[in-house]
Protein backbone atom coordinates (compact mmCIF):
# COMPACT_ATOMS: atom_id res chain seq x y z
CA MET A 1 -113.10 -57.86 63.77
CA GLY A 2 -109.77 -56.81 64.81
CA GLU A 3 -107.94 -57.31 68.26
CA VAL A 4 -108.16 -54.14 70.94
CA ILE A 5 -104.65 -53.41 72.11
CA SER A 6 -104.93 -51.98 76.00
CA TYR A 7 -103.55 -48.63 76.65
CA THR A 8 -101.58 -49.99 78.99
CA ASP A 9 -99.92 -51.68 76.09
CA LEU A 10 -99.73 -48.63 73.84
CA VAL A 11 -98.14 -46.54 76.90
CA ARG A 12 -95.59 -49.72 77.34
CA GLN A 13 -94.82 -49.74 73.70
CA HIS A 14 -94.49 -46.14 73.33
CA GLN A 15 -92.02 -46.25 76.30
CA ILE A 16 -89.77 -48.66 74.87
CA SER A 17 -89.57 -47.03 71.44
CA LEU A 18 -88.73 -44.01 73.13
CA LEU A 19 -86.01 -45.39 75.07
CA GLU A 20 -84.33 -47.23 72.43
CA HIS A 21 -84.61 -44.00 69.88
CA LYS A 22 -82.61 -42.34 73.00
CA ARG A 23 -79.85 -45.08 73.07
CA ARG A 24 -79.48 -44.99 69.81
CA GLU A 25 -79.29 -40.86 69.53
CA TYR A 26 -76.97 -41.03 72.54
CA ARG A 27 -74.63 -43.83 71.33
CA GLU A 28 -74.47 -41.85 68.08
CA ARG A 29 -73.23 -38.42 69.82
CA GLU A 30 -70.82 -40.45 72.14
CA ASP A 31 -69.08 -42.06 69.18
CA TYR A 32 -68.82 -38.82 67.77
CA LEU A 33 -67.38 -37.47 70.96
CA GLY A 34 -64.69 -40.30 70.71
CA ARG A 35 -63.65 -39.80 67.57
CA LEU A 36 -63.09 -35.82 68.46
CA ARG A 37 -61.04 -36.75 71.63
CA ARG A 38 -58.95 -38.99 69.31
CA LEU A 39 -58.55 -36.06 66.90
CA LEU A 40 -57.84 -33.86 69.53
CA PHE A 41 -55.15 -35.73 71.13
CA GLN A 42 -53.53 -36.15 67.86
CA ILE A 43 -53.30 -32.37 67.14
CA GLU A 44 -52.64 -31.75 70.69
CA GLY A 45 -49.04 -34.02 70.44
CA GLN A 46 -48.45 -32.29 67.05
CA MET A 47 -48.98 -28.62 68.57
CA ARG A 48 -46.36 -30.22 71.68
CA GLN A 49 -43.73 -31.30 69.12
CA ALA A 50 -43.90 -27.63 66.99
CA GLU A 51 -43.89 -26.58 70.70
CA MET A 52 -40.92 -28.06 71.50
CA LEU A 53 -38.70 -27.15 68.16
CA GLN A 54 -40.15 -23.53 68.79
CA LEU A 55 -38.45 -23.66 71.94
CA GLN A 56 -35.01 -24.98 70.87
CA VAL A 57 -34.33 -22.56 68.14
CA PHE A 58 -34.50 -20.06 71.18
CA ARG A 59 -31.94 -22.96 73.18
CA ASP A 60 -29.91 -22.60 70.12
CA LEU A 61 -29.47 -18.78 69.93
CA ALA A 62 -28.62 -18.35 73.66
CA GLU A 63 -25.71 -21.38 73.42
CA ASP A 64 -24.86 -19.87 70.46
CA PHE A 65 -24.65 -16.31 71.38
CA LYS A 66 -23.15 -17.77 74.90
CA ILE A 67 -25.77 -15.96 77.16
CA PRO A 68 -27.12 -17.90 80.21
CA ILE A 69 -30.88 -18.48 80.00
CA ALA A 70 -32.77 -21.05 82.67
CA PHE A 71 -35.71 -22.27 80.89
CA PRO A 72 -38.67 -22.96 83.67
CA ASP A 73 -40.02 -26.30 83.62
CA LEU A 74 -41.88 -26.93 80.33
CA GLY A 75 -45.12 -28.26 81.88
CA ASP A 76 -45.31 -25.11 83.87
CA ARG A 77 -47.48 -23.55 81.15
CA VAL A 78 -47.76 -20.08 83.26
CA ALA A 79 -44.04 -20.07 84.29
CA LEU A 80 -43.65 -20.38 80.46
CA GLN A 81 -45.48 -17.18 79.25
CA GLU A 82 -44.34 -15.03 82.33
CA PHE A 83 -40.66 -15.68 81.16
CA PHE A 84 -41.11 -15.41 77.52
CA LEU A 85 -42.54 -11.83 78.55
CA ASN A 86 -39.91 -10.85 81.26
CA ASP A 87 -36.74 -12.53 80.21
CA PRO A 88 -34.48 -9.12 78.51
CA ALA A 89 -33.10 -12.49 76.21
CA MET A 90 -36.20 -13.82 75.49
CA LEU A 91 -37.52 -10.20 74.20
CA ILE A 92 -34.75 -9.69 71.93
CA PHE A 93 -34.76 -13.20 70.63
CA LYS A 94 -38.71 -12.74 70.39
CA GLU A 95 -38.99 -9.52 68.26
CA PHE A 96 -35.67 -10.37 65.87
CA LEU A 97 -37.62 -13.76 65.04
CA ALA A 98 -40.87 -11.79 64.73
CA GLU A 99 -39.14 -9.92 62.16
CA ARG A 100 -39.37 -6.21 64.58
CA LEU A 101 -35.47 -6.18 64.84
CA SER A 102 -33.01 -6.45 62.26
CA ALA A 103 -29.76 -8.78 62.66
CA PRO A 104 -27.29 -6.01 63.39
CA ASP A 105 -29.46 -4.16 65.38
CA CYS A 106 -30.24 -7.97 67.17
CA LEU A 107 -26.44 -8.89 67.85
CA GLU A 108 -26.11 -5.15 69.35
CA LYS A 109 -28.79 -5.74 71.96
CA LEU A 110 -27.79 -8.97 72.92
CA ALA A 111 -24.27 -8.19 73.19
CA GLU A 112 -25.45 -4.59 75.66
CA LEU A 113 -27.56 -7.88 76.94
CA ARG A 114 -24.10 -10.21 77.58
CA GLN A 115 -22.19 -6.75 79.12
CA LYS A 116 -24.47 -6.23 81.67
CA ILE A 117 -24.62 -10.33 82.19
CA THR A 118 -20.87 -10.43 83.04
CA GLU A 119 -20.36 -7.11 84.39
CA PRO A 120 -20.25 -7.81 88.30
CA PRO A 121 -22.72 -5.74 90.20
CA GLY A 122 -21.91 -1.98 91.52
CA ALA A 123 -19.37 -1.59 88.75
């Protein structure tokens, strides 16, 4: 006759098997998360670089049209968003770049803005 395996040995073997299975499951997910994190880091870097290039367009336009603009710190995302929503020059540039304003209209609005900026207060 065959050897009888005790219940405690069966339970122990089952628990060991369960632990090994859960470890493999965890490692697979952890490896997958690690790959996703690396990919996300690369994508964030590329997005940040593209954002900097887009900001450079605004800087170049402001410089070319002699409009003084004080950009907020690039690390302050909230201040940067508020800046783009509230700065009159940025609003004009955004409208033009979004093709909601023609080049002649943009030039006219920039001239008006530049005049307001250079006028002394109370004039």
